[in-house]
Amino acid sequence: MSKRLSSGLGWVVAQVVLWVVQLSLPFVWSFVGFPILAWGEAWTGCELAAAMALGGGGLALGWAAFQALGANLTPLPKPKEGSVLVVRGPYRVLRHPIYTAVVLVFLGWAVGWKEVVLVGLDGVLFLLFVFKSRLEERWLRERYPEYSRYEKTTGGLVPRLFGRTGGV
């Protein structure tokens, strides 16, 4: 198997394609005159606040995760050679805070456009991250013997809220 495919590059390509679709869909649809499937015509302050909170919260979480990873950061799910297991910052609560951050940003985008299809695409993105994270975690367990203990105490994409339950 080629080095790029064995590193999980296909997952990265799939998520980038999905991001491009999510970002461009409202503009393409309005350009070609396709009716946007919005859940209402008039903006409410609540929708705007929710969009900003989701997007801003996602950006803040993503930034904190980038900072915590430092030199260990890679777009690929396979850990970099010479990397160390990071369990500080948002990694104290989530094993994949960057994935969660991206989902939150795109959910804020969907709410901002009030677009039902974008909410659905964000759900597809969430599922993509669930499956990508399973592959990534297999590689993390191989690289770091302490990873199995770490994953029992943290959530994957969703924080563990009730002891050992929850956390996809």
N, C-alpha and C. Protein backbone atom coordinates (compact mmCIF):
# COMPACT_ATOMS: atom_id res chain seq x y z
N MET A 1 0.85 -1.18 0.00
CA MET A 1 0.00 0.00 0.00
C MET A 1 0.89 1.24 0.00
N SER A 2 0.51 2.26 -0.74
CA SER A 2 1.34 3.45 -0.80
C SER A 2 1.36 4.14 0.56
N LYS A 3 2.41 4.91 0.77
CA LYS A 3 2.57 5.61 2.05
C LYS A 3 1.42 6.57 2.31
N ARG A 4 0.95 7.27 1.24
CA ARG A 4 -0.13 8.25 1.43
C ARG A 4 -1.44 7.57 1.84
N LEU A 5 -1.77 6.44 1.20
CA LEU A 5 -3.01 5.75 1.55
C LEU A 5 -2.92 5.11 2.92
N SER A 6 -1.75 4.59 3.27
CA SER A 6 -1.61 3.95 4.57
C SER A 6 -1.56 4.97 5.71
N SER A 7 -1.48 6.25 5.39
CA SER A 7 -1.47 7.29 6.42
C SER A 7 -2.86 7.84 6.69
N GLY A 8 -3.86 7.43 5.90
CA GLY A 8 -5.22 7.92 6.09
C GLY A 8 -5.55 9.12 5.23
N LEU A 9 -4.78 9.35 4.17
CA LEU A 9 -5.00 10.52 3.31
C LEU A 9 -6.40 10.52 2.70
N GLY A 10 -6.95 9.36 2.40
CA GLY A 10 -8.29 9.29 1.83
C GLY A 10 -9.34 9.93 2.72
N TRP A 11 -9.20 9.76 4.05
CA TRP A 11 -10.14 10.38 4.99
C TRP A 11 -10.02 11.90 4.94
N VAL A 12 -8.79 12.39 4.81
CA VAL A 12 -8.58 13.84 4.76
C VAL A 12 -9.19 14.41 3.48
N VAL A 13 -8.99 13.72 2.36
CA VAL A 13 -9.56 14.18 1.09
C VAL A 13 -11.09 14.21 1.19
N ALA A 14 -11.68 13.17 1.75
CA ALA A 14 -13.14 13.11 1.89
C ALA A 14 -13.66 14.26 2.74
N GLN A 15 -12.98 14.57 3.84
CA GLN A 15 -13.47 15.66 4.70
C GLN A 15 -13.30 17.01 4.01
N VAL A 16 -12.23 17.20 3.27
CA VAL A 16 -12.03 18.48 2.57
C VAL A 16 -13.10 18.66 1.49
N VAL A 17 -13.41 17.59 0.76
CA VAL A 17 -14.48 17.68 -0.25
C VAL A 17 -15.79 18.06 0.43
N LEU A 18 -16.09 17.44 1.56
CA LEU A 18 -17.32 17.77 2.28
C LEU A 18 -17.31 19.21 2.76
N TRP A 19 -16.18 19.71 3.22
CA TRP A 19 -16.07 21.11 3.65
C TRP A 19 -16.36 22.06 2.49
N VAL A 20 -15.77 21.76 1.33
CA VAL A 20 -15.96 22.62 0.16
C VAL A 20 -17.44 22.64 -0.24
N VAL A 21 -18.09 21.49 -0.21
CA VAL A 21 -19.51 21.42 -0.54
C VAL A 21 -20.31 22.26 0.45
N GLN A 22 -20.02 22.08 1.75
CA GLN A 22 -20.76 22.82 2.76
C GLN A 22 -20.57 24.33 2.64
N LEU A 23 -19.35 24.76 2.36
CA LEU A 23 -19.08 26.19 2.26
C LEU A 23 -19.67 26.81 0.99
N SER A 24 -19.67 26.07 -0.10
CA SER A 24 -20.09 26.64 -1.37
C SER A 24 -21.58 26.46 -1.68
N LEU A 25 -22.22 25.49 -1.07
CA LEU A 25 -23.60 25.17 -1.41
C LEU A 25 -24.56 26.36 -1.36
N PRO A 26 -24.57 27.16 -0.31
CA PRO A 26 -25.51 28.29 -0.30
C PRO A 26 -25.28 29.27 -1.45
N PHE A 27 -24.03 29.49 -1.80
CA PHE A 27 -23.72 30.43 -2.87
C PHE A 27 -24.07 29.86 -4.24
N VAL A 28 -23.75 28.60 -4.45
CA VAL A 28 -24.06 27.95 -5.73
C VAL A 28 -25.57 27.90 -5.93
N TRP A 29 -26.30 27.49 -4.88
CA TRP A 29 -27.75 27.39 -5.00
C TRP A 29 -28.38 28.74 -5.29
N SER A 30 -27.91 29.79 -4.63
CA SER A 30 -28.50 31.09 -4.89
C SER A 30 -28.12 31.61 -6.27
N PHE A 31 -26.94 31.26 -6.75
CA PHE A 31 -26.49 31.69 -8.08
C PHE A 31 -27.33 31.05 -9.18
N VAL A 32 -27.63 29.76 -9.03
CA VAL A 32 -28.41 29.06 -10.06
C VAL A 32 -29.91 29.18 -9.83
N GLY A 33 -30.31 29.84 -8.78
CA GLY A 33 -31.73 30.07 -8.53
C GLY A 33 -32.44 28.91 -7.85
N PHE A 34 -31.68 27.97 -7.29
CA PHE A 34 -32.30 26.85 -6.58
C PHE A 34 -32.82 27.35 -5.24
N PRO A 35 -34.03 27.00 -4.89
CA PRO A 35 -34.55 27.50 -3.61
C PRO A 35 -33.81 26.88 -2.42
N ILE A 36 -33.36 27.73 -1.55
CA ILE A 36 -32.68 27.24 -0.35
C ILE A 36 -33.74 26.70 0.60
N LEU A 37 -33.45 25.56 1.20
CA LEU A 37 -34.42 24.89 2.08
C LEU A 37 -34.30 25.40 3.51
N ALA A 38 -34.47 26.68 3.67
CA ALA A 38 -34.34 27.30 4.99
C ALA A 38 -35.56 26.99 5.85
N TRP A 39 -35.37 27.04 7.17
CA TRP A 39 -36.48 26.74 8.08
C TRP A 39 -37.26 27.98 8.45
N GLY A 40 -37.00 29.10 7.84
CA GLY A 40 -37.77 30.31 8.09
C GLY A 40 -37.20 31.46 7.29
N GLU A 41 -37.98 32.46 7.06
CA GLU A 41 -37.54 33.58 6.24
C GLU A 41 -36.81 34.65 7.05
N ALA A 42 -37.41 35.09 8.13
CA ALA A 42 -36.84 36.20 8.90
C ALA A 42 -35.85 35.70 9.93
N TRP A 43 -34.76 36.46 10.08
CA TRP A 43 -33.77 36.16 11.11
C TRP A 43 -34.33 36.51 12.47
N THR A 44 -33.98 35.72 13.44
CA THR A 44 -34.27 36.08 14.82
C THR A 44 -32.94 36.26 15.53
N GLY A 45 -32.93 37.02 16.58
CA GLY A 45 -31.70 37.20 17.35
C GLY A 45 -31.19 35.89 17.90
N CYS A 46 -32.11 34.98 18.19
CA CYS A 46 -31.74 33.69 18.75
C CYS A 46 -30.92 32.86 17.75
N GLU A 47 -31.34 32.87 16.49
CA GLU A 47 -30.61 32.11 15.47
C GLU A 47 -29.22 32.68 15.24
N LEU A 48 -29.14 34.00 15.19
CA LEU A 48 -27.86 34.66 15.00
C LEU A 48 -26.93 34.36 16.18
N ALA A 49 -27.46 34.45 17.38
CA ALA A 49 -26.65 34.16 18.57
C ALA A 49 -26.20 32.70 18.57
N ALA A 50 -27.08 31.79 18.19
CA ALA A 50 -26.71 30.37 18.16
C ALA A 50 -25.64 30.13 17.12
N ALA A 51 -25.77 30.72 15.93
CA ALA A 51 -24.77 30.55 14.88
C ALA A 51 -23.41 31.07 15.33
N MET A 52 -23.40 32.23 15.97
CA MET A 52 -22.15 32.82 16.43
C MET A 52 -21.54 32.02 17.58
N ALA A 53 -22.39 31.54 18.49
CA ALA A 53 -21.88 30.74 19.61
C ALA A 53 -21.29 29.42 19.12
N LEU A 54 -21.98 28.76 18.22
CA LEU A 54 -21.47 27.49 17.69
C LEU A 54 -20.18 27.70 16.92
N GLY A 55 -20.20 28.65 15.99
CA GLY A 55 -19.01 28.92 15.19
C GLY A 55 -17.84 29.42 16.02
N GLY A 56 -18.13 30.38 16.89
CA GLY A 56 -17.08 30.93 17.75
C GLY A 56 -16.54 29.91 18.74
N GLY A 57 -17.44 29.12 19.31
CA GLY A 57 -17.01 28.07 20.22
C GLY A 57 -16.15 27.04 19.52
N GLY A 58 -16.55 26.68 18.29
CA GLY A 58 -15.76 25.73 17.51
C GLY A 58 -14.38 26.28 17.19
N LEU A 59 -14.32 27.56 16.80
CA LEU A 59 -13.02 28.18 16.51
C LEU A 59 -12.13 28.22 17.74
N ALA A 60 -12.71 28.57 18.89
CA ALA A 60 -11.92 28.63 20.14
C ALA A 60 -11.41 27.25 20.53
N LEU A 61 -12.29 26.24 20.43
CA LEU A 61 -11.88 24.88 20.75
C LEU A 61 -10.78 24.41 19.80
N GLY A 62 -10.96 24.68 18.51
CA GLY A 62 -9.95 24.28 17.53
C GLY A 62 -8.61 24.95 17.77
N TRP A 63 -8.63 26.23 18.09
CA TRP A 63 -7.39 26.96 18.37
C TRP A 63 -6.69 26.39 19.59
N ALA A 64 -7.44 26.13 20.65
CA ALA A 64 -6.85 25.55 21.86
C ALA A 64 -6.24 24.17 21.56
N ALA A 65 -6.91 23.39 20.74
CA ALA A 65 -6.39 22.06 20.39
C ALA A 65 -5.13 22.17 19.54
N PHE A 66 -5.11 23.10 18.58
CA PHE A 66 -3.91 23.32 17.78
C PHE A 66 -2.74 23.71 18.68
N GLN A 67 -2.99 24.61 19.62
CA GLN A 67 -1.94 25.05 20.54
C GLN A 67 -1.42 23.90 21.39
N ALA A 68 -2.33 23.07 21.88
CA ALA A 68 -1.92 21.94 22.72
C ALA A 68 -1.10 20.93 21.93
N LEU A 69 -1.47 20.68 20.68
CA LEU A 69 -0.73 19.71 19.87
C LEU A 69 0.66 20.18 19.49
N GLY A 70 0.79 21.46 19.20
CA GLY A 70 2.10 22.00 18.82
C GLY A 70 2.71 21.24 17.65
N ALA A 71 3.94 20.79 17.81
CA ALA A 71 4.67 20.11 16.73
C ALA A 71 4.09 18.74 16.39
N ASN A 72 3.19 18.23 17.21
CA ASN A 72 2.57 16.93 16.94
C ASN A 72 1.45 17.02 15.91
N LEU A 73 1.06 18.24 15.54
CA LEU A 73 -0.06 18.45 14.63
C LEU A 73 0.23 17.88 13.24
N THR A 74 -0.72 17.14 12.72
CA THR A 74 -0.67 16.64 11.35
C THR A 74 -2.10 16.55 10.83
N PRO A 75 -2.31 16.82 9.54
CA PRO A 75 -3.66 16.68 9.00
C PRO A 75 -4.08 15.21 8.85
N LEU A 76 -3.11 14.32 8.89
CA LEU A 76 -3.38 12.91 8.69
C LEU A 76 -3.75 12.22 10.01
N PRO A 77 -4.57 11.18 9.95
CA PRO A 77 -4.93 10.49 11.19
C PRO A 77 -3.79 9.66 11.78
N LYS A 78 -2.79 9.33 10.99
CA LYS A 78 -1.66 8.56 11.51
C LYS A 78 -0.70 9.49 12.23
N PRO A 79 -0.33 9.16 13.47
CA PRO A 79 0.57 10.04 14.23
C PRO A 79 1.92 10.22 13.52
N LYS A 80 2.50 11.40 13.67
CA LYS A 80 3.80 11.69 13.09
C LYS A 80 4.88 10.89 13.82
N GLU A 81 5.93 10.57 13.09
CA GLU A 81 7.09 9.94 13.70
C GLU A 81 7.67 10.90 14.74
N GLY A 82 8.04 10.38 15.89
CA GLY A 82 8.63 11.19 16.94
C GLY A 82 7.64 12.02 17.73
N SER A 83 6.35 11.85 17.48
CA SER A 83 5.36 12.63 18.22
C SER A 83 5.15 12.05 19.61
N VAL A 84 4.53 12.86 20.46
CA VAL A 84 4.22 12.42 21.82
C VAL A 84 2.71 12.48 22.01
N LEU A 85 2.19 11.71 22.95
CA LEU A 85 0.78 11.72 23.27
C LEU A 85 0.44 12.99 24.04
N VAL A 86 -0.49 13.77 23.54
CA VAL A 86 -0.89 15.03 24.16
C VAL A 86 -2.17 14.79 24.95
N VAL A 87 -2.14 15.13 26.24
CA VAL A 87 -3.33 14.96 27.10
C VAL A 87 -3.61 16.24 27.89
N ARG A 88 -3.13 17.37 27.39
CA ARG A 88 -3.35 18.66 28.05
C ARG A 88 -4.33 19.50 27.23
N GLY A 89 -4.75 20.61 27.80
CA GLY A 89 -5.69 21.49 27.10
C GLY A 89 -7.01 20.76 26.87
N PRO A 90 -7.61 20.94 25.71
CA PRO A 90 -8.90 20.28 25.44
C PRO A 90 -8.77 18.76 25.38
N TYR A 91 -7.55 18.26 25.24
CA TYR A 91 -7.33 16.81 25.20
C TYR A 91 -7.52 16.15 26.57
N ARG A 92 -7.71 16.96 27.60
CA ARG A 92 -8.05 16.40 28.91
C ARG A 92 -9.48 15.87 28.92
N VAL A 93 -10.32 16.41 28.03
CA VAL A 93 -11.75 16.08 28.00
C VAL A 93 -12.14 15.31 26.74
N LEU A 94 -11.50 15.64 25.63
CA LEU A 94 -11.82 15.03 24.33
C LEU A 94 -10.56 14.46 23.69
N ARG A 95 -10.70 13.30 23.05
CA ARG A 95 -9.58 12.74 22.33
C ARG A 95 -9.43 13.36 20.94
N HIS A 96 -10.50 13.95 20.41
CA HIS A 96 -10.48 14.53 19.07
C HIS A 96 -11.13 15.91 19.05
N PRO A 97 -10.58 16.86 19.82
CA PRO A 97 -11.24 18.17 19.89
C PRO A 97 -11.23 18.93 18.57
N ILE A 98 -10.27 18.69 17.70
CA ILE A 98 -10.27 19.40 16.42
C ILE A 98 -11.45 18.94 15.57
N TYR A 99 -11.74 17.65 15.58
CA TYR A 99 -12.90 17.15 14.83
C TYR A 99 -14.18 17.77 15.39
N THR A 100 -14.28 17.80 16.70
CA THR A 100 -15.46 18.40 17.33
C THR A 100 -15.56 19.88 16.96
N ALA A 101 -14.43 20.57 16.96
CA ALA A 101 -14.41 21.99 16.61
C ALA A 101 -14.90 22.22 15.19
N VAL A 102 -14.46 21.40 14.26
CA VAL A 102 -14.88 21.54 12.86
C VAL A 102 -16.39 21.31 12.74
N VAL A 103 -16.90 20.29 13.41
CA VAL A 103 -18.34 20.02 13.38
C VAL A 103 -19.11 21.22 13.94
N LEU A 104 -18.64 21.81 15.02
CA LEU A 104 -19.31 22.97 15.61
C LEU A 104 -19.29 24.17 14.67
N VAL A 105 -18.16 24.42 14.03
CA VAL A 105 -18.06 25.55 13.09
C VAL A 105 -19.06 25.36 11.95
N PHE A 106 -19.11 24.15 11.39
CA PHE A 106 -20.03 23.93 10.27
C PHE A 106 -21.49 23.90 10.73
N LEU A 107 -21.74 23.52 11.96
CA LEU A 107 -23.10 23.61 12.47
C LEU A 107 -23.50 25.08 12.62
N GLY A 108 -22.57 25.91 13.08
CA GLY A 108 -22.82 27.35 13.13
C GLY A 108 -23.08 27.92 11.74
N TRP A 109 -22.35 27.44 10.76
CA TRP A 109 -22.54 27.85 9.36
C TRP A 109 -23.95 27.49 8.91
N ALA A 110 -24.38 26.27 9.21
CA ALA A 110 -25.72 25.80 8.81
C ALA A 110 -26.81 26.62 9.49
N VAL A 111 -26.65 26.88 10.77
CA VAL A 111 -27.64 27.67 11.50
C VAL A 111 -27.64 29.10 10.96
N GLY A 112 -26.47 29.63 10.66
CA GLY A 112 -26.38 30.98 10.11
C GLY A 112 -27.11 31.12 8.79
N TRP A 113 -27.05 30.10 7.97
CA TRP A 113 -27.77 30.12 6.70
C TRP A 113 -29.20 29.62 6.86
N LYS A 114 -29.51 29.08 8.04
CA LYS A 114 -30.83 28.50 8.29
C LYS A 114 -31.15 27.44 7.23
N GLU A 115 -30.14 26.61 6.93
CA GLU A 115 -30.22 25.69 5.81
C GLU A 115 -30.27 24.24 6.31
N VAL A 116 -31.37 23.58 6.05
CA VAL A 116 -31.60 22.21 6.50
C VAL A 116 -30.57 21.24 5.89
N VAL A 117 -30.28 21.41 4.60
CA VAL A 117 -29.34 20.51 3.93
C VAL A 117 -27.95 20.63 4.56
N LEU A 118 -27.55 21.82 4.95
CA LEU A 118 -26.25 22.00 5.59
C LEU A 118 -26.19 21.31 6.94
N VAL A 119 -27.29 21.30 7.67
CA VAL A 119 -27.33 20.57 8.95
C VAL A 119 -27.12 19.08 8.66
N GLY A 120 -27.77 18.57 7.62
CA GLY A 120 -27.59 17.16 7.25
C GLY A 120 -26.17 16.85 6.84
N LEU A 121 -25.56 17.74 6.06
CA LEU A 121 -24.16 17.53 5.66
C LEU A 121 -23.22 17.57 6.87
N ASP A 122 -23.56 18.40 7.86
CA ASP A 122 -22.76 18.43 9.09
C ASP A 122 -22.88 17.09 9.83
N GLY A 123 -24.06 16.49 9.78
CA GLY A 123 -24.22 15.15 10.35
C GLY A 123 -23.36 14.12 9.63
N VAL A 124 -23.28 14.24 8.31
CA VAL A 124 -22.41 13.35 7.53
C VAL A 124 -20.95 13.58 7.94
N LEU A 125 -20.57 14.83 8.11
CA LEU A 125 -19.21 15.16 8.55
C LEU A 125 -18.92 14.54 9.91
N PHE A 126 -19.88 14.63 10.83
CA PHE A 126 -19.71 14.03 12.15
C PHE A 126 -19.47 12.52 12.02
N LEU A 127 -20.27 11.85 11.20
CA LEU A 127 -20.08 10.41 11.00
C LEU A 127 -18.73 10.10 10.36
N LEU A 128 -18.31 10.92 9.41
CA LEU A 128 -16.99 10.73 8.82
C LEU A 128 -15.91 10.79 9.90
N PHE A 129 -16.03 11.76 10.81
CA PHE A 129 -15.05 11.89 11.88
C PHE A 129 -15.12 10.72 12.86
N VAL A 130 -16.30 10.16 13.09
CA VAL A 130 -16.42 8.98 13.95
C VAL A 130 -15.60 7.84 13.37
N PHE A 131 -15.78 7.58 12.08
CA PHE A 131 -15.07 6.46 11.46
C PHE A 131 -13.58 6.75 11.29
N LYS A 132 -13.24 7.99 10.95
CA LYS A 132 -11.82 8.37 10.83
C LYS A 132 -11.13 8.24 12.19
N SER A 133 -11.82 8.64 13.25
CA SER A 133 -11.22 8.58 14.58
C SER A 133 -10.98 7.14 15.03
N ARG A 134 -11.81 6.21 14.58
CA ARG A 134 -11.59 4.80 14.94
C ARG A 134 -10.28 4.29 14.36
N LEU A 135 -10.00 4.63 13.10
CA LEU A 135 -8.73 4.26 12.49
C LEU A 135 -7.58 4.95 13.22
N GLU A 136 -7.75 6.24 13.46
CA GLU A 136 -6.71 7.01 14.15
C GLU A 136 -6.41 6.41 15.53
N GLU A 137 -7.44 6.03 16.25
CA GLU A 137 -7.23 5.48 17.59
C GLU A 137 -6.52 4.13 17.55
N ARG A 138 -6.76 3.36 16.51
CA ARG A 138 -6.02 2.10 16.37
C ARG A 138 -4.53 2.40 16.26
N TRP A 139 -4.17 3.40 15.44
CA TRP A 139 -2.77 3.79 15.28
C TRP A 139 -2.21 4.40 16.56
N LEU A 140 -3.03 5.16 17.28
CA LEU A 140 -2.56 5.76 18.53
C LEU A 140 -2.29 4.69 19.59
N ARG A 141 -3.14 3.67 19.66
CA ARG A 141 -2.90 2.57 20.61
C ARG A 141 -1.61 1.82 20.26
N GLU A 142 -1.32 1.67 18.97
CA GLU A 142 -0.08 1.01 18.55
C GLU A 142 1.14 1.85 18.91
N ARG A 143 1.04 3.16 18.77
CA ARG A 143 2.17 4.05 18.99
C ARG A 143 2.42 4.32 20.47
N TYR A 144 1.33 4.50 21.24
CA TYR A 144 1.45 4.90 22.64
C TYR A 144 0.79 3.85 23.53
N PRO A 145 1.56 3.10 24.30
CA PRO A 145 0.98 2.07 25.17
C PRO A 145 -0.01 2.64 26.18
N GLU A 146 0.15 3.89 26.59
CA GLU A 146 -0.73 4.50 27.59
C GLU A 146 -2.05 5.00 26.99
N TYR A 147 -2.21 4.91 25.67
CA TYR A 147 -3.40 5.45 25.02
C TYR A 147 -4.67 4.72 25.46
N SER A 148 -4.60 3.42 25.64
CA SER A 148 -5.80 2.66 26.05
C SER A 148 -6.34 3.16 27.38
N ARG A 149 -5.46 3.47 28.31
CA ARG A 149 -5.89 4.01 29.61
C ARG A 149 -6.48 5.42 29.43
N TYR A 150 -5.84 6.23 28.60
CA TYR A 150 -6.31 7.59 28.33
C TYR A 150 -7.70 7.58 27.70
N GLU A 151 -7.96 6.70 26.75
CA GLU A 151 -9.26 6.72 26.08
C GLU A 151 -10.40 6.28 26.99
N LYS A 152 -10.09 5.59 28.07
CA LYS A 152 -11.13 5.19 29.03
C LYS A 152 -11.59 6.35 29.89
N THR A 153 -10.82 7.43 29.92
CA THR A 153 -11.14 8.55 30.81
C THR A 153 -11.62 9.80 30.07
N THR A 154 -11.65 9.74 28.74
CA THR A 154 -12.05 10.92 27.95
C THR A 154 -13.09 10.54 26.91
N GLY A 155 -13.81 11.54 26.44
CA GLY A 155 -14.74 11.33 25.34
C GLY A 155 -14.01 11.41 24.02
N GLY A 156 -14.59 10.83 22.99
CA GLY A 156 -13.99 10.88 21.66
C GLY A 156 -14.27 12.22 21.00
N LEU A 157 -15.47 12.38 20.47
CA LEU A 157 -15.89 13.63 19.84
C LEU A 157 -16.83 14.42 20.73
N VAL A 158 -17.39 13.74 21.72
CA VAL A 158 -18.34 14.34 22.66
C VAL A 158 -17.81 14.07 24.07
N PRO A 159 -17.78 15.07 24.94
CA PRO A 159 -17.27 14.83 26.30
C PRO A 159 -18.09 13.77 27.03
N ARG A 160 -17.42 13.05 27.89
CA ARG A 160 -18.12 12.09 28.75
C ARG A 160 -18.82 12.89 29.84
N LEU A 161 -20.12 12.72 29.91
CA LEU A 161 -20.90 13.52 30.85
C LEU A 161 -21.27 12.75 32.12
N PHE A 162 -21.37 11.46 32.02
CA PHE A 162 -21.84 10.65 33.16
C PHE A 162 -20.90 9.50 33.40
N GLY A 163 -19.81 9.79 34.06
CA GLY A 163 -18.85 8.73 34.38
C GLY A 163 -18.26 8.11 33.13
N ARG A 164 -18.40 6.83 32.98
CA ARG A 164 -17.81 6.11 31.86
C ARG A 164 -18.73 6.02 30.65
N THR A 165 -19.90 6.62 30.70
CA THR A 165 -20.80 6.55 29.56
C THR A 165 -20.66 7.79 28.70
N GLY A 166 -21.20 7.76 27.53
CA GLY A 166 -21.17 8.91 26.65
C GLY A 166 -19.84 9.04 25.94
N GLY A 167 -19.72 10.05 25.12
CA GLY A 167 -18.48 10.29 24.41
C GLY A 167 -18.29 9.36 23.22
N VAL A 168 -18.68 9.81 22.06
CA VAL A 168 -18.57 8.99 20.86
C VAL A 168 -17.11 8.80 20.53
